[in-house]
Amino acid sequence: MTATAEHEIRRALQDLADALTRAIEQQPPPTRRAERLYSLKQTSEITGLGRTTLLGEIGAARLRSIKVGRRRLVSASAIRDFIEAAEGGSP
């Protein structure tokens, strides 16, 4: 590879990096806030349901949760949706 070709490649890469940096800087900052996550013990206290019942609801996909390492966590919105669905299903 000639020195001229290498110089052109480096310049093209630098131009590309500059263009990507400008594009990223023009992006609006994310507006989504981190949502509170609750342990199963906390979720149990909030809902009044036992751990086994909560795990059954998670297994039946009626209560959304995520697993972080060995911990099972439930988001505030998942608890809210679960409670709303339960209230909607009652007479």
Protein backbone atom coordinates (compact mmCIF):
# COMPACT_ATOMS: atom_id res chain seq x y z
CA MET A 1 0.00 0.00 0.00
CA THR A 2 1.36 3.37 -0.91
CA ALA A 3 1.73 6.21 1.55
CA THR A 4 -0.82 8.24 -0.42
CA ALA A 5 -3.43 5.46 -0.28
CA GLU A 6 -2.84 4.99 3.45
CA HIS A 7 -3.23 8.72 4.01
CA GLU A 8 -6.52 8.77 2.04
CA ILE A 9 -7.86 5.82 4.03
CA ARG A 10 -6.95 7.46 7.36
CA ARG A 11 -8.56 10.71 6.24
CA ALA A 12 -11.75 8.91 5.13
CA LEU A 13 -11.92 7.09 8.47
CA GLN A 14 -11.45 10.34 10.35
CA ASP A 15 -14.18 12.00 8.26
CA LEU A 16 -16.49 9.07 9.04
CA ALA A 17 -15.71 9.27 12.77
CA ASP A 18 -16.38 13.03 12.73
CA ALA A 19 -19.70 12.54 10.92
CA LEU A 20 -20.78 9.85 13.42
CA THR A 21 -19.81 12.06 16.35
CA ARG A 22 -21.86 14.94 14.96
CA ALA A 23 -24.84 12.65 14.37
CA ILE A 24 -24.68 11.32 17.94
CA GLU A 25 -24.37 14.82 19.40
CA GLN A 26 -27.47 15.93 17.48
CA GLN A 27 -29.59 13.14 19.02
CA PRO A 28 -31.93 14.38 21.74
CA PRO A 29 -31.16 12.99 25.17
CA PRO A 30 -33.26 9.99 26.18
CA THR A 31 -36.40 11.01 28.03
CA ARG A 32 -37.23 7.64 29.50
CA ARG A 33 -36.48 7.49 33.18
CA ALA A 34 -35.31 4.37 34.91
CA GLU A 35 -38.24 2.52 36.40
CA ARG A 36 -38.25 1.26 39.97
CA LEU A 37 -37.72 -2.48 40.33
CA TYR A 38 -39.03 -4.45 43.29
CA SER A 39 -37.85 -7.73 44.78
CA LEU A 40 -40.37 -10.54 45.17
CA LYS A 41 -40.55 -9.73 48.90
CA GLN A 42 -41.40 -6.10 48.14
CA THR A 43 -43.86 -7.16 45.43
CA SER A 44 -45.48 -9.49 47.93
CA GLU A 45 -45.88 -6.62 50.39
CA ILE A 46 -47.35 -4.36 47.70
CA THR A 47 -49.81 -6.90 46.31
CA GLY A 48 -50.57 -8.87 49.44
CA LEU A 49 -49.76 -12.10 47.61
CA GLY A 50 -47.32 -14.74 48.81
CA ARG A 51 -44.05 -15.62 47.09
CA THR A 52 -45.38 -18.91 45.72
CA THR A 53 -48.45 -17.19 44.27
CA LEU A 54 -46.28 -14.49 42.70
CA LEU A 55 -44.02 -17.10 41.12
CA GLY A 56 -47.12 -18.86 39.77
CA GLU A 57 -48.38 -15.59 38.26
CA ILE A 58 -44.96 -14.96 36.72
CA GLY A 59 -44.89 -18.50 35.34
CA ALA A 60 -48.37 -18.01 33.85
CA ALA A 61 -47.16 -14.73 32.27
CA ARG A 62 -49.76 -12.68 34.13
CA LEU A 63 -47.04 -10.78 36.01
CA ARG A 64 -44.02 -9.56 34.04
CA SER A 65 -40.63 -9.80 35.68
CA ILE A 66 -36.96 -9.80 34.83
CA LYS A 67 -34.14 -11.90 36.14
CA VAL A 68 -30.94 -10.15 37.17
CA GLY A 69 -28.40 -12.73 38.18
CA ARG A 70 -30.23 -14.97 40.62
CA ARG A 71 -32.76 -12.29 41.57
CA ARG A 72 -36.26 -12.00 40.15
CA LEU A 73 -37.39 -8.36 39.95
CA VAL A 74 -40.76 -6.85 39.10
CA SER A 75 -41.14 -3.34 37.68
CA ALA A 76 -43.59 -0.81 39.06
CA SER A 77 -45.47 -0.79 35.74
CA ALA A 78 -45.73 -4.59 35.77
CA ILE A 79 -47.27 -4.47 39.25
CA ARG A 80 -49.67 -1.73 38.15
CA ASP A 81 -50.69 -3.69 35.01
CA PHE A 82 -51.13 -6.87 37.07
CA ILE A 83 -53.38 -5.10 39.59
CA GLU A 84 -55.41 -3.38 36.83
CA ALA A 85 -55.92 -6.71 35.06
CA ALA A 86 -57.04 -8.32 38.32
CA GLU A 87 -59.46 -5.48 39.03
CA GLY A 88 -60.84 -5.64 35.50
CA GLY A 89 -61.50 -9.34 35.84
CA SER A 90 -63.47 -9.04 39.07
CA PRO A 91 -67.28 -8.72 39.03
